[in-house]
Structures are given as C-alpha cells and as structure tokens.
C-alpha cells in the first residue's frame, strides 16, 4: 500500500512509464545528479570510470532497451512511506537486439526486479534493488 503523503510513490509510476515509453531523457531526469546506486551486480554493474552512478544507471537501461526494443515495464506492487518507496516491477518484451552479451534470439522475455528508492526534492537520490539476471540469461539461452 502506498502512503498518499509519500514523496516517493509518484516516482515509481514515472520510472515504469518513462521506460515503457522508451523516453531515456525523461528517465534520466528522475535521478538526482548526486544519485547513489547501492545495487552493484551483473544486472547493474558499477558505472565505467569517469561516469556517475546516474549515467551508469541510464546506460544499463539504454542497453536493455536496445536488446528489448519493445520493452514494457509494469508495476506489480508498491509500498511507500515518507521519502522511500519499494516496488516490484515486471519487464517484458522480445529479445531483438544484443543483450547481456547474447545475440538477438527473437524470444519473448519476462523478468522481474524489486527496488527501493529514496527520494529528495522530487528526485531519486538512492536505490537498492535486486534484478532477476539469472532468469533473463536462462530465457536467452533456453
């Protein structure tokens, strides 16, 4: 259940909507320049040297959209309170471009992530999350 007073809740919807619309400019605008990504994994690697965490996150999703050009992001569940919101996202689309080092297969993909965001001044300033990269790779190699 989302707290109607939560400053973070509206950003969950914007996160999903901007990615589903493939609007990376609007997506990047959701993040503070001082953004910190606490999720460093195969699904969200550290940004390349000389790039900020915000730039790294935008690069991850740019690559994801290149690999899944019809990507849609749905919100499965949201919990929000104060300056934090958590969401379960479902990503779906067709693997029609290179993704995670795998050449296009044309396969339909469906995978999830669970993410927590902290918001300040109307922008995402921190993120913790877990993406199902193993599930993605299993679907790509099936």
N, C-alpha and C. Protein backbone atom coordinates (compact mmCIF):
# COMPACT_ATOMS: atom_id res chain seq x y z
N UNK A 1 0.85 -1.18 0.00
CA UNK A 1 0.00 0.00 0.00
C UNK A 1 0.89 1.24 0.00
N UNK A 2 0.58 2.16 -0.84
CA UNK A 2 1.36 3.40 -0.93
C UNK A 2 0.76 4.46 -0.02
N UNK A 3 1.62 5.12 0.71
CA UNK A 3 1.24 6.25 1.57
C UNK A 3 0.96 7.44 0.66
N UNK A 4 -0.26 7.96 0.70
CA UNK A 4 -0.64 9.07 -0.18
C UNK A 4 0.21 10.31 0.05
N UNK A 5 0.84 10.41 1.22
CA UNK A 5 1.69 11.56 1.53
C UNK A 5 3.14 11.33 1.08
N UNK A 6 3.43 10.14 0.63
CA UNK A 6 4.80 9.81 0.25
C UNK A 6 5.25 10.61 -0.97
N UNK A 7 6.41 11.22 -0.84
CA UNK A 7 7.01 11.94 -1.97
C UNK A 7 7.60 10.97 -2.98
N UNK A 8 7.82 9.73 -2.54
CA UNK A 8 8.48 8.75 -3.40
C UNK A 8 7.52 8.00 -4.31
N UNK A 9 6.28 7.82 -3.89
CA UNK A 9 5.33 7.00 -4.64
C UNK A 9 5.15 7.43 -6.10
N UNK A 10 4.99 8.72 -6.40
CA UNK A 10 4.79 9.10 -7.81
C UNK A 10 5.98 8.76 -8.72
N UNK A 11 7.17 8.69 -8.15
CA UNK A 11 8.34 8.38 -8.98
C UNK A 11 8.36 6.93 -9.44
N UNK A 12 7.71 6.04 -8.68
CA UNK A 12 7.60 4.64 -9.10
C UNK A 12 6.86 4.57 -10.43
N UNK A 13 5.73 5.26 -10.50
CA UNK A 13 4.95 5.26 -11.74
C UNK A 13 5.71 5.92 -12.88
N UNK A 14 6.43 7.00 -12.60
CA UNK A 14 7.21 7.67 -13.64
C UNK A 14 8.35 6.78 -14.12
N UNK A 15 8.98 6.04 -13.20
CA UNK A 15 10.06 5.12 -13.55
C UNK A 15 9.55 4.13 -14.60
N UNK A 16 8.43 3.46 -14.30
CA UNK A 16 7.87 2.47 -15.22
C UNK A 16 7.39 3.12 -16.52
N UNK A 17 6.73 4.26 -16.41
CA UNK A 17 6.16 4.91 -17.60
C UNK A 17 7.23 5.40 -18.56
N UNK A 18 8.30 6.00 -18.04
CA UNK A 18 9.34 6.52 -18.94
C UNK A 18 10.07 5.38 -19.64
N UNK A 19 10.29 4.28 -18.94
CA UNK A 19 10.93 3.13 -19.59
C UNK A 19 10.01 2.49 -20.62
N UNK A 20 8.73 2.34 -20.29
CA UNK A 20 7.78 1.77 -21.24
C UNK A 20 7.63 2.64 -22.48
N UNK A 21 7.78 3.96 -22.31
CA UNK A 21 7.71 4.90 -23.43
C UNK A 21 9.05 5.03 -24.15
N UNK A 22 10.08 4.38 -23.61
CA UNK A 22 11.44 4.42 -24.15
C UNK A 22 11.96 5.86 -24.19
N UNK A 23 11.57 6.64 -23.19
CA UNK A 23 11.97 8.04 -23.09
C UNK A 23 13.13 8.16 -22.10
N UNK A 24 14.34 7.93 -22.59
CA UNK A 24 15.50 7.93 -21.71
C UNK A 24 15.85 9.31 -21.19
N UNK A 25 15.46 10.35 -21.89
CA UNK A 25 15.68 11.71 -21.38
C UNK A 25 14.82 11.94 -20.15
N UNK A 26 13.54 11.58 -20.23
CA UNK A 26 12.65 11.72 -19.07
C UNK A 26 13.07 10.77 -17.95
N UNK A 27 13.53 9.57 -18.32
CA UNK A 27 14.01 8.61 -17.32
C UNK A 27 15.19 9.19 -16.56
N UNK A 28 16.18 9.72 -17.27
CA UNK A 28 17.37 10.30 -16.63
C UNK A 28 16.99 11.46 -15.72
N UNK A 29 15.97 12.20 -16.09
CA UNK A 29 15.54 13.36 -15.30
C UNK A 29 14.93 12.97 -13.96
N UNK A 30 14.63 11.69 -13.75
CA UNK A 30 14.09 11.23 -12.47
C UNK A 30 15.15 11.15 -11.38
N UNK A 31 16.43 11.15 -11.77
CA UNK A 31 17.53 10.91 -10.85
C UNK A 31 18.30 12.19 -10.53
N UNK A 32 18.65 12.33 -9.27
CA UNK A 32 19.50 13.44 -8.82
C UNK A 32 20.90 13.26 -9.39
N UNK A 33 21.60 14.36 -9.59
CA UNK A 33 23.00 14.27 -10.01
C UNK A 33 23.85 13.62 -8.92
N UNK A 34 23.37 13.63 -7.67
CA UNK A 34 24.08 13.02 -6.54
C UNK A 34 23.57 11.61 -6.24
N UNK A 35 22.86 11.03 -7.17
CA UNK A 35 22.27 9.70 -7.03
C UNK A 35 23.32 8.66 -6.64
N UNK A 36 22.92 7.76 -5.72
CA UNK A 36 23.77 6.65 -5.30
C UNK A 36 23.02 5.36 -5.59
N UNK A 37 23.65 4.46 -6.33
CA UNK A 37 23.07 3.16 -6.62
C UNK A 37 23.77 2.12 -5.74
N UNK A 38 23.04 1.57 -4.78
CA UNK A 38 23.61 0.57 -3.87
C UNK A 38 23.56 -0.83 -4.48
N UNK A 39 22.91 -0.98 -5.63
CA UNK A 39 22.83 -2.27 -6.30
C UNK A 39 23.96 -2.36 -7.30
N UNK A 40 24.98 -3.09 -6.97
CA UNK A 40 26.07 -3.33 -7.90
C UNK A 40 26.13 -4.82 -8.14
N UNK A 41 25.72 -5.23 -9.34
CA UNK A 41 25.62 -6.65 -9.67
C UNK A 41 25.74 -6.81 -11.18
N UNK A 42 25.57 -8.03 -11.65
CA UNK A 42 25.58 -8.26 -13.09
C UNK A 42 24.43 -7.51 -13.75
N UNK A 43 23.31 -7.36 -13.03
CA UNK A 43 22.16 -6.63 -13.58
C UNK A 43 22.40 -5.13 -13.59
N UNK A 44 23.23 -4.64 -12.69
CA UNK A 44 23.51 -3.20 -12.58
C UNK A 44 24.97 -3.02 -12.19
N UNK A 45 25.87 -3.16 -13.17
CA UNK A 45 27.30 -3.05 -12.85
C UNK A 45 27.68 -1.63 -12.46
N UNK A 46 28.83 -1.48 -11.80
CA UNK A 46 29.30 -0.13 -11.48
C UNK A 46 29.46 0.67 -12.77
N UNK A 47 29.29 1.98 -12.69
CA UNK A 47 29.46 2.78 -13.91
C UNK A 47 30.92 2.74 -14.37
N UNK A 48 31.14 2.89 -15.67
CA UNK A 48 32.52 2.95 -16.17
C UNK A 48 33.26 4.13 -15.54
N UNK A 49 34.57 4.01 -15.49
CA UNK A 49 35.39 5.09 -14.92
C UNK A 49 35.06 6.41 -15.62
N UNK A 50 34.91 7.45 -14.81
CA UNK A 50 34.60 8.76 -15.34
C UNK A 50 33.12 9.03 -15.50
N UNK A 51 32.28 8.02 -15.24
CA UNK A 51 30.83 8.17 -15.35
C UNK A 51 30.22 8.17 -13.95
N UNK A 52 29.17 8.93 -13.78
CA UNK A 52 28.48 8.98 -12.49
C UNK A 52 27.53 7.79 -12.34
N UNK A 53 27.10 7.48 -11.11
CA UNK A 53 26.10 6.42 -10.94
C UNK A 53 24.83 6.68 -11.75
N UNK A 54 24.42 7.93 -11.86
CA UNK A 54 23.25 8.27 -12.68
C UNK A 54 23.50 7.88 -14.14
N UNK A 55 24.66 8.25 -14.67
CA UNK A 55 25.00 7.90 -16.05
C UNK A 55 25.08 6.38 -16.22
N UNK A 56 25.60 5.69 -15.21
CA UNK A 56 25.68 4.23 -15.27
C UNK A 56 24.31 3.59 -15.32
N UNK A 57 23.38 4.09 -14.51
CA UNK A 57 22.02 3.55 -14.50
C UNK A 57 21.34 3.80 -15.84
N UNK A 58 21.49 4.99 -16.37
CA UNK A 58 20.89 5.30 -17.68
C UNK A 58 21.51 4.39 -18.75
N UNK A 59 22.81 4.13 -18.67
CA UNK A 59 23.47 3.24 -19.64
C UNK A 59 22.93 1.82 -19.56
N UNK A 60 22.67 1.32 -18.34
CA UNK A 60 22.11 -0.03 -18.17
C UNK A 60 20.76 -0.12 -18.88
N UNK A 61 19.92 0.88 -18.68
CA UNK A 61 18.59 0.84 -19.29
C UNK A 61 18.63 1.15 -20.78
N UNK A 62 19.61 1.92 -21.23
CA UNK A 62 19.79 2.14 -22.67
C UNK A 62 20.11 0.81 -23.34
N UNK A 63 21.01 0.04 -22.74
CA UNK A 63 21.37 -1.28 -23.27
C UNK A 63 20.18 -2.23 -23.22
N UNK A 64 19.41 -2.16 -22.14
CA UNK A 64 18.23 -3.03 -22.01
C UNK A 64 17.22 -2.71 -23.11
N UNK A 65 17.00 -1.43 -23.39
CA UNK A 65 16.06 -1.05 -24.45
C UNK A 65 16.58 -1.42 -25.83
N UNK A 66 17.90 -1.40 -26.02
CA UNK A 66 18.47 -1.83 -27.30
C UNK A 66 18.27 -3.33 -27.50
N UNK A 67 18.38 -4.09 -26.43
CA UNK A 67 18.21 -5.54 -26.51
C UNK A 67 16.75 -5.97 -26.56
N UNK A 68 15.89 -5.16 -25.96
CA UNK A 68 14.45 -5.47 -25.92
C UNK A 68 13.71 -4.22 -26.40
N UNK A 69 13.69 -3.98 -27.71
CA UNK A 69 13.17 -2.72 -28.23
C UNK A 69 11.68 -2.49 -27.99
N UNK A 70 10.94 -3.53 -27.66
CA UNK A 70 9.52 -3.36 -27.34
C UNK A 70 9.26 -3.49 -25.84
N UNK A 71 10.28 -3.20 -25.04
CA UNK A 71 10.19 -3.36 -23.58
C UNK A 71 9.00 -2.61 -22.99
N UNK A 72 8.28 -3.29 -22.12
CA UNK A 72 7.22 -2.70 -21.31
C UNK A 72 7.55 -3.00 -19.85
N UNK A 73 7.28 -2.03 -18.99
CA UNK A 73 7.53 -2.18 -17.56
C UNK A 73 6.22 -1.97 -16.83
N UNK A 74 5.83 -2.97 -16.05
CA UNK A 74 4.60 -2.89 -15.27
C UNK A 74 4.95 -2.92 -13.79
N UNK A 75 4.13 -2.27 -13.00
CA UNK A 75 4.29 -2.27 -11.55
C UNK A 75 3.39 -3.36 -10.99
N UNK A 76 4.01 -4.32 -10.31
CA UNK A 76 3.26 -5.42 -9.72
C UNK A 76 2.74 -5.05 -8.34
N UNK A 77 3.57 -4.35 -7.56
CA UNK A 77 3.19 -3.94 -6.21
C UNK A 77 4.06 -2.76 -5.79
N UNK A 78 3.49 -1.91 -4.94
CA UNK A 78 4.22 -0.75 -4.43
C UNK A 78 3.91 -0.57 -2.95
N UNK A 79 4.94 -0.23 -2.19
CA UNK A 79 4.79 0.17 -0.79
C UNK A 79 5.58 1.45 -0.64
N UNK A 80 4.96 2.48 -0.07
CA UNK A 80 5.66 3.76 0.07
C UNK A 80 5.34 4.39 1.41
N UNK A 81 6.34 5.05 1.95
CA UNK A 81 6.18 5.79 3.20
C UNK A 81 7.24 6.88 3.25
N UNK A 82 6.80 8.09 3.49
CA UNK A 82 7.75 9.20 3.59
C UNK A 82 8.57 9.36 2.34
N UNK A 83 9.89 9.34 2.49
CA UNK A 83 10.78 9.58 1.34
C UNK A 83 11.23 8.30 0.65
N UNK A 84 10.59 7.15 0.98
CA UNK A 84 11.00 5.87 0.38
C UNK A 84 9.82 5.15 -0.24
N UNK A 85 10.12 4.44 -1.31
CA UNK A 85 9.11 3.60 -1.95
C UNK A 85 9.79 2.34 -2.44
N UNK A 86 9.07 1.24 -2.34
CA UNK A 86 9.56 -0.04 -2.85
C UNK A 86 8.56 -0.53 -3.88
N UNK A 87 9.08 -1.19 -4.90
CA UNK A 87 8.20 -1.69 -5.95
C UNK A 87 8.74 -2.99 -6.51
N UNK A 88 7.80 -3.81 -6.96
CA UNK A 88 8.11 -5.00 -7.73
C UNK A 88 7.73 -4.68 -9.17
N UNK A 89 8.70 -4.74 -10.07
CA UNK A 89 8.46 -4.43 -11.48
C UNK A 89 8.51 -5.71 -12.30
N UNK A 90 7.70 -5.77 -13.35
CA UNK A 90 7.73 -6.86 -14.33
C UNK A 90 8.12 -6.24 -15.67
N UNK A 91 9.19 -6.74 -16.24
CA UNK A 91 9.70 -6.29 -17.54
C UNK A 91 9.34 -7.36 -18.58
N UNK A 92 8.85 -6.94 -19.74
CA UNK A 92 8.54 -7.92 -20.78
C UNK A 92 8.80 -7.32 -22.15
N UNK A 93 9.09 -8.20 -23.08
CA UNK A 93 9.34 -7.77 -24.46
C UNK A 93 10.06 -8.87 -25.21
N UNK A 94 10.46 -8.56 -26.43
CA UNK A 94 11.12 -9.53 -27.31
C UNK A 94 12.61 -9.21 -27.42
N UNK A 95 13.41 -10.26 -27.37
CA UNK A 95 14.86 -10.11 -27.46
C UNK A 95 15.27 -9.95 -28.92
N UNK A 96 15.21 -8.73 -29.41
CA UNK A 96 15.51 -8.46 -30.81
C UNK A 96 16.77 -7.64 -31.02
N UNK A 97 17.57 -7.50 -29.98
CA UNK A 97 18.86 -6.81 -30.07
C UNK A 97 19.82 -7.47 -29.09
N UNK A 98 21.12 -7.18 -29.18
CA UNK A 98 22.07 -7.78 -28.25
C UNK A 98 21.74 -7.42 -26.81
N UNK A 99 21.84 -8.39 -25.92
CA UNK A 99 21.52 -8.18 -24.51
C UNK A 99 22.40 -9.06 -23.65
N UNK A 100 23.10 -8.46 -22.72
CA UNK A 100 23.98 -9.21 -21.80
C UNK A 100 24.94 -10.12 -22.55
N UNK A 101 25.43 -9.64 -23.68
CA UNK A 101 26.39 -10.42 -24.46
C UNK A 101 25.78 -11.51 -25.31
N UNK A 102 24.45 -11.58 -25.38
CA UNK A 102 23.77 -12.61 -26.16
C UNK A 102 23.16 -11.97 -27.40
N UNK A 103 23.47 -12.56 -28.57
CA UNK A 103 22.91 -12.06 -29.83
C UNK A 103 21.39 -12.22 -29.83
N UNK A 104 20.68 -11.42 -30.60
CA UNK A 104 19.22 -11.48 -30.63
C UNK A 104 18.70 -12.89 -30.92
N UNK A 105 17.70 -13.31 -30.16
CA UNK A 105 17.09 -14.63 -30.35
C UNK A 105 15.65 -14.52 -30.83
N UNK A 106 15.03 -13.36 -30.68
CA UNK A 106 13.62 -13.20 -31.02
C UNK A 106 12.68 -13.75 -29.96
N UNK A 107 13.24 -14.30 -28.90
CA UNK A 107 12.41 -14.89 -27.84
C UNK A 107 11.69 -13.82 -27.02
N UNK A 108 10.51 -14.19 -26.55
CA UNK A 108 9.78 -13.34 -25.60
C UNK A 108 10.46 -13.48 -24.24
N UNK A 109 10.66 -12.35 -23.57
CA UNK A 109 11.28 -12.35 -22.25
C UNK A 109 10.31 -11.77 -21.24
N UNK A 110 10.38 -12.29 -20.03
CA UNK A 110 9.63 -11.73 -18.91
C UNK A 110 10.49 -11.92 -17.68
N UNK A 111 10.78 -10.83 -16.97
CA UNK A 111 11.60 -10.92 -15.77
C UNK A 111 11.19 -9.83 -14.80
N UNK A 112 11.69 -9.95 -13.58
CA UNK A 112 11.26 -9.05 -12.52
C UNK A 112 12.44 -8.38 -11.83
N UNK A 113 12.11 -7.32 -11.11
CA UNK A 113 13.07 -6.72 -10.19
C UNK A 113 12.28 -6.19 -9.00
N UNK A 114 12.95 -6.13 -7.87
CA UNK A 114 12.40 -5.49 -6.67
C UNK A 114 13.35 -4.36 -6.31
N UNK A 115 12.80 -3.17 -6.15
CA UNK A 115 13.63 -1.99 -5.98
C UNK A 115 13.10 -1.10 -4.86
N UNK A 116 14.02 -0.46 -4.16
CA UNK A 116 13.69 0.53 -3.14
C UNK A 116 14.34 1.84 -3.56
N UNK A 117 13.58 2.91 -3.51
CA UNK A 117 14.07 4.23 -3.88
C UNK A 117 13.92 5.18 -2.71
N UNK A 118 14.90 6.05 -2.53
CA UNK A 118 14.77 7.18 -1.60
C UNK A 118 14.73 8.44 -2.44
N UNK A 119 13.77 9.29 -2.12
CA UNK A 119 13.53 10.50 -2.91
C UNK A 119 13.79 11.73 -2.06
N UNK A 120 14.37 12.73 -2.69
CA UNK A 120 14.60 14.02 -2.03
C UNK A 120 14.44 15.10 -3.11
N UNK A 121 13.68 16.13 -2.79
CA UNK A 121 13.48 17.21 -3.76
C UNK A 121 12.83 16.76 -5.05
N UNK A 122 12.00 15.71 -4.98
CA UNK A 122 11.31 15.22 -6.17
C UNK A 122 12.15 14.36 -7.09
N UNK A 123 13.36 13.98 -6.65
CA UNK A 123 14.26 13.17 -7.48
C UNK A 123 14.72 11.94 -6.71
N UNK A 124 15.03 10.88 -7.44
CA UNK A 124 15.59 9.67 -6.83
C UNK A 124 17.03 9.97 -6.44
N UNK A 125 17.34 9.81 -5.14
CA UNK A 125 18.70 10.07 -4.67
C UNK A 125 19.44 8.78 -4.28
N UNK A 126 18.68 7.72 -3.97
CA UNK A 126 19.30 6.44 -3.64
C UNK A 126 18.44 5.30 -4.16
N UNK A 127 19.10 4.19 -4.46
CA UNK A 127 18.41 3.00 -4.97
C UNK A 127 19.09 1.74 -4.41
N UNK A 128 18.25 0.80 -4.00
CA UNK A 128 18.68 -0.54 -3.63
C UNK A 128 17.79 -1.47 -4.44
N UNK A 129 18.33 -2.55 -4.96
CA UNK A 129 17.47 -3.42 -5.75
C UNK A 129 18.07 -4.78 -6.02
N UNK A 130 17.22 -5.62 -6.58
CA UNK A 130 17.61 -6.95 -6.99
C UNK A 130 16.88 -7.27 -8.29
N UNK A 131 17.64 -7.51 -9.34
CA UNK A 131 17.06 -7.88 -10.63
C UNK A 131 17.30 -9.35 -10.91
N UNK A 132 16.42 -9.96 -11.66
CA UNK A 132 16.50 -11.39 -11.96
C UNK A 132 17.36 -11.64 -13.20
N UNK A 133 18.65 -11.33 -13.09
CA UNK A 133 19.55 -11.53 -14.23
C UNK A 133 19.70 -13.01 -14.57
N UNK A 134 19.66 -13.89 -13.58
CA UNK A 134 19.76 -15.33 -13.85
C UNK A 134 18.56 -15.80 -14.67
N UNK A 135 17.39 -15.28 -14.34
CA UNK A 135 16.19 -15.63 -15.10
C UNK A 135 16.26 -15.13 -16.53
N UNK A 136 16.81 -13.94 -16.72
CA UNK A 136 16.97 -13.38 -18.07
C UNK A 136 17.90 -14.27 -18.88
N UNK A 137 19.06 -14.59 -18.31
CA UNK A 137 20.04 -15.40 -19.03
C UNK A 137 19.49 -16.79 -19.34
N UNK A 138 18.72 -17.37 -18.43
CA UNK A 138 18.11 -18.68 -18.68
C UNK A 138 17.14 -18.60 -19.86
N UNK A 139 16.36 -17.54 -19.93
CA UNK A 139 15.42 -17.38 -21.04
C UNK A 139 16.16 -17.15 -22.37
N UNK A 140 17.26 -16.42 -22.31
CA UNK A 140 18.02 -16.13 -23.53
C UNK A 140 18.69 -17.38 -24.09
N UNK A 141 19.08 -18.28 -23.19
CA UNK A 141 19.82 -19.47 -23.62
C UNK A 141 18.95 -20.71 -23.70
N UNK A 142 17.67 -20.57 -23.45
CA UNK A 142 16.75 -21.73 -23.44
C UNK A 142 16.66 -22.38 -24.80
